[in-house]
Amino acid sequence: MATVLFCTKDDVVRQSSILDGNIDADKLIPSLFHAQTHYLKPILGTDLYDKFSSEITAGTLADPYLALLKTYVKPILIHACLAEFLKSCLFTVSSKGVFKHTSENAETATTEEVKDLVQVERDRAESYTERFLDYMLYNGSTFSEWTSNTGADLKPSKESFNIDWVL
């Protein structure tokens, strides 16, 4: 099954105060794909993720799934996408090498400033993940796919925070 994205470039740009509306979709879509498949899918679990995918593809997504997508899933995905995008948006790889873009009328952000922006977006994604998990704690029975994962399926994560160990 081809991967259908749960939100659009316009959804991401509208929710971000730092993205320019002229962002090239070809630059943003890979970050959106990565955030959806590597950050969001483990939160939703395989069955709920596949439910969204199939119904979005068919154009049949309806409440309560549509409300869940709009209220909880999209905000997680948007901020996880921004965290991914900010890590690589300065660079382009071509057959002639790796290039860092600069602007004639702007100052390029330092590595620390970019790391801070990435962390802000990660924190926002985790905050929305916590809200989603709180909602599912009390309303998960409405969404049978939340608990129907078996075998090799990804089971939904019940924790929103990832802790990086520094020794």
Foldseek 3Di string as FASTA:
>chain_A
DDFDQLDAPVLLQVPDPPDDPPDDRVLQVVLLVCCCPPPVCLQQWDQLSVVSRVCVVVVNDDPPRVVCSVQQVSQLSSLSSVLSSLVDVQWDQDPVGIDGDDDPPDDDDDPVVSVVSSVVSLVSSLVSSLVSLVVCVPVVVVPVSQPPDDDPINHHDNHSDDDDDDD
